[in-house]
């Protein structure tokens, strides 16, 4: 897992490097993304990792178009995901791929 606060601290770049190093069978999950689809961390990881598509699975669970903080994007777009639902989505994604 890669954790970091704020934008442009290198989470996506580090994630791409980790995926490239891990190689075939690697999975990347972005639980919540704003500024989507023009700014897709999952697709950026895919591009930077430079692995064949069959070797790297990327997915975004929840995405908002507005490129602001998730809570603000959710308010502006009229829908949100609470912490329990987000955790359940992550757990389901992990269980479905174990």
C-alpha atoms as a PDB file:
ATOM      1  CA  UNK A   1       0.000   0.000   0.000  1.00  0.00           C
ATOM      2  CA  UNK A   2       1.099   3.514  -0.751  1.00  0.00           C
ATOM      3  CA  UNK A   3      -0.250   6.303   1.445  1.00  0.00           C
ATOM      4  CA  UNK A   4       0.409  10.007   1.237  1.00  0.00           C
ATOM      5  CA  UNK A   5      -1.304  13.276   1.982  1.00  0.00           C
ATOM      6  CA  UNK A   6      -2.027  15.971  -0.582  1.00  0.00           C
ATOM      7  CA  UNK A   7      -1.583  16.180  -4.332  1.00  0.00           C
ATOM      8  CA  UNK A   8       1.711  15.796  -6.169  1.00  0.00           C
ATOM      9  CA  UNK A   9       3.633  14.046  -3.383  1.00  0.00           C
ATOM     10  CA  UNK A  10       4.557  11.103  -5.632  1.00  0.00           C
ATOM     11  CA  UNK A  11       2.036   8.380  -4.730  1.00  0.00           C
ATOM     12  CA  UNK A  12       1.241   7.530  -8.342  1.00  0.00           C
ATOM     13  CA  UNK A  13       4.864   7.577  -9.442  1.00  0.00           C
ATOM     14  CA  UNK A  14       5.943   5.327  -6.558  1.00  0.00           C
ATOM     15  CA  UNK A  15       3.005   3.007  -7.265  1.00  0.00           C
ATOM     16  CA  UNK A  16       4.005   2.716 -10.926  1.00  0.00           C
ATOM     17  CA  UNK A  17       7.575   1.865  -9.949  1.00  0.00           C
ATOM     18  CA  UNK A  18       6.379  -0.766  -7.503  1.00  0.00           C
ATOM     19  CA  UNK A  19       4.105  -2.301 -10.149  1.00  0.00           C
ATOM     20  CA  UNK A  20       6.899  -2.377 -12.713  1.00  0.00           C
ATOM     21  CA  UNK A  21       9.264  -4.015 -10.213  1.00  0.00           C
ATOM     22  CA  UNK A  22       6.651  -6.597  -9.168  1.00  0.00           C
ATOM     23  CA  UNK A  23       5.988  -7.532 -12.795  1.00  0.00           C
ATOM     24  CA  UNK A  24       3.420 -10.040 -14.038  1.00  0.00           C
ATOM     25  CA  UNK A  25       0.299 -10.554 -11.954  1.00  0.00           C
ATOM     26  CA  UNK A  26       0.406  -7.118 -10.351  1.00  0.00           C
ATOM     27  CA  UNK A  27      -2.777  -5.292  -9.342  1.00  0.00           C
ATOM     28  CA  UNK A  28      -3.302  -1.584  -8.650  1.00  0.00           C
ATOM     29  CA  UNK A  29      -6.416  -0.173  -7.003  1.00  0.00           C
ATOM     30  CA  UNK A  30      -7.329   3.493  -6.701  1.00  0.00           C
ATOM     31  CA  UNK A  31     -10.209   3.531  -4.188  1.00  0.00           C
ATOM     32  CA  UNK A  32     -11.263   7.158  -4.796  1.00  0.00           C
ATOM     33  CA  UNK A  33     -10.230   9.472  -7.638  1.00  0.00           C
ATOM     34  CA  UNK A  34     -11.137  13.045  -8.491  1.00  0.00           C
ATOM     35  CA  UNK A  35     -10.560  14.818 -11.777  1.00  0.00           C
ATOM     36  CA  UNK A  36     -11.624  11.646 -13.581  1.00  0.00           C
ATOM     37  CA  UNK A  37     -11.438  10.589 -16.397  1.00  0.00           C
ATOM     38  CA  UNK A  38      -8.886  13.113 -17.708  1.00  0.00           C
ATOM     39  CA  UNK A  39      -6.762  12.489 -14.612  1.00  0.00           C
ATOM     40  CA  UNK A  40      -6.788   8.730 -14.028  1.00  0.00           C
ATOM     41  CA  UNK A  41      -4.117   7.542 -11.612  1.00  0.00           C
ATOM     42  CA  UNK A  42      -4.863   3.940 -12.590  1.00  0.00           C
ATOM     43  CA  UNK A  43      -4.150   4.647 -16.260  1.00  0.00           C
ATOM     44  CA  UNK A  44      -1.069   6.698 -15.347  1.00  0.00           C
ATOM     45  CA  UNK A  45       0.241   3.746 -13.330  1.00  0.00           C
ATOM     46  CA  UNK A  46      -0.434   1.454 -16.289  1.00  0.00           C
ATOM     47  CA  UNK A  47       1.448   3.775 -18.661  1.00  0.00           C
ATOM     48  CA  UNK A  48       4.425   4.417 -16.378  1.00  0.00           C
ATOM     49  CA  UNK A  49       4.793   0.793 -15.280  1.00  0.00           C
ATOM     50  CA  UNK A  50       5.179  -0.096 -18.969  1.00  0.00           C
ATOM     51  CA  UNK A  51       3.979  -3.671 -18.449  1.00  0.00           C
ATOM     52  CA  UNK A  52       1.902  -5.602 -20.978  1.00  0.00           C
ATOM     53  CA  UNK A  53      -1.798  -5.133 -20.188  1.00  0.00           C
ATOM     54  CA  UNK A  54      -2.168  -8.827 -19.312  1.00  0.00           C
ATOM     55  CA  UNK A  55       0.465  -8.400 -16.557  1.00  0.00           C
ATOM     56  CA  UNK A  56      -1.041  -5.394 -14.760  1.00  0.00           C
ATOM     57  CA  UNK A  57      -4.634  -5.019 -13.589  1.00  0.00           C
ATOM     58  CA  UNK A  58      -5.682  -1.465 -12.694  1.00  0.00           C
ATOM     59  CA  UNK A  59      -9.027  -0.325 -11.318  1.00  0.00           C
ATOM     60  CA  UNK A  60     -10.679   2.765  -9.852  1.00  0.00           C
ATOM     61  CA  UNK A  61     -13.588   2.066  -7.487  1.00  0.00           C
ATOM     62  CA  UNK A  62     -15.147   5.543  -7.148  1.00  0.00           C
ATOM     63  CA  UNK A  63     -14.482   8.600  -9.282  1.00  0.00           C
ATOM     64  CA  UNK A  64     -15.686  12.177  -9.503  1.00  0.00           C
ATOM     65  CA  UNK A  65     -15.107  14.546 -12.404  1.00  0.00           C
ATOM     66  CA  UNK A  66     -14.297  17.688 -10.414  1.00  0.00           C
ATOM     67  CA  UNK A  67     -10.512  17.866  -9.725  1.00  0.00           C
ATOM     68  CA  UNK A  68     -10.812  18.888  -6.072  1.00  0.00           C
ATOM     69  CA  UNK A  69     -10.673  17.017  -2.770  1.00  0.00           C
ATOM     70  CA  UNK A  70     -12.963  13.945  -2.707  1.00  0.00           C
ATOM     71  CA  UNK A  71     -15.308  15.353  -0.076  1.00  0.00           C
ATOM     72  CA  UNK A  72     -15.788  18.566  -2.060  1.00  0.00           C
ATOM     73  CA  UNK A  73     -16.157  16.745  -5.396  1.00  0.00           C
ATOM     74  CA  UNK A  74     -18.762  14.454  -3.836  1.00  0.00           C
ATOM     75  CA  UNK A  75     -20.723  17.414  -2.488  1.00  0.00           C
ATOM     76  CA  UNK A  76     -20.596  19.243  -5.815  1.00  0.00           C
ATOM     77  CA  UNK A  77     -21.598  16.171  -7.823  1.00  0.00           C
ATOM     78  CA  UNK A  78     -24.338  15.119  -5.428  1.00  0.00           C
ATOM     79  CA  UNK A  79     -23.153  11.690  -4.369  1.00  0.00           C
ATOM     80  CA  UNK A  80     -20.632  10.350  -1.906  1.00  0.00           C
ATOM     81  CA  UNK A  81     -19.202   7.148  -0.497  1.00  0.00           C
ATOM     82  CA  UNK A  82     -18.999   6.819   3.263  1.00  0.00           C
ATOM     83  CA  UNK A  83     -15.997   5.281   4.974  1.00  0.00           C
ATOM     84  CA  UNK A  84     -17.719   1.943   5.621  1.00  0.00           C
ATOM     85  CA  UNK A  85     -18.753   1.597   1.980  1.00  0.00           C
ATOM     86  CA  UNK A  86     -15.265   2.542   0.812  1.00  0.00           C
ATOM     87  CA  UNK A  87     -13.685  -0.022   3.148  1.00  0.00           C
ATOM     88  CA  UNK A  88     -16.187  -2.668   2.023  1.00  0.00           C
ATOM     89  CA  UNK A  89     -15.383  -1.933  -1.619  1.00  0.00           C
ATOM     90  CA  UNK A  90     -11.665  -2.296  -1.007  1.00  0.00           C
ATOM     91  CA  UNK A  91     -12.175  -5.498   0.965  1.00  0.00           C
ATOM     92  CA  UNK A  92     -14.402  -6.914  -1.764  1.00  0.00           C
ATOM     93  CA  UNK A  93     -11.841  -6.048  -4.426  1.00  0.00           C
ATOM     94  CA  UNK A  94      -9.094  -7.724  -2.425  1.00  0.00           C
ATOM     95  CA  UNK A  95     -11.172 -10.821  -1.636  1.00  0.00           C
ATOM     96  CA  UNK A  96     -12.250 -11.182  -5.229  1.00  0.00           C
ATOM     97  CA  UNK A  97      -8.655 -11.313  -6.325  1.00  0.00           C
ATOM     98  CA  UNK A  98      -7.049 -13.345  -3.539  1.00  0.00           C
END
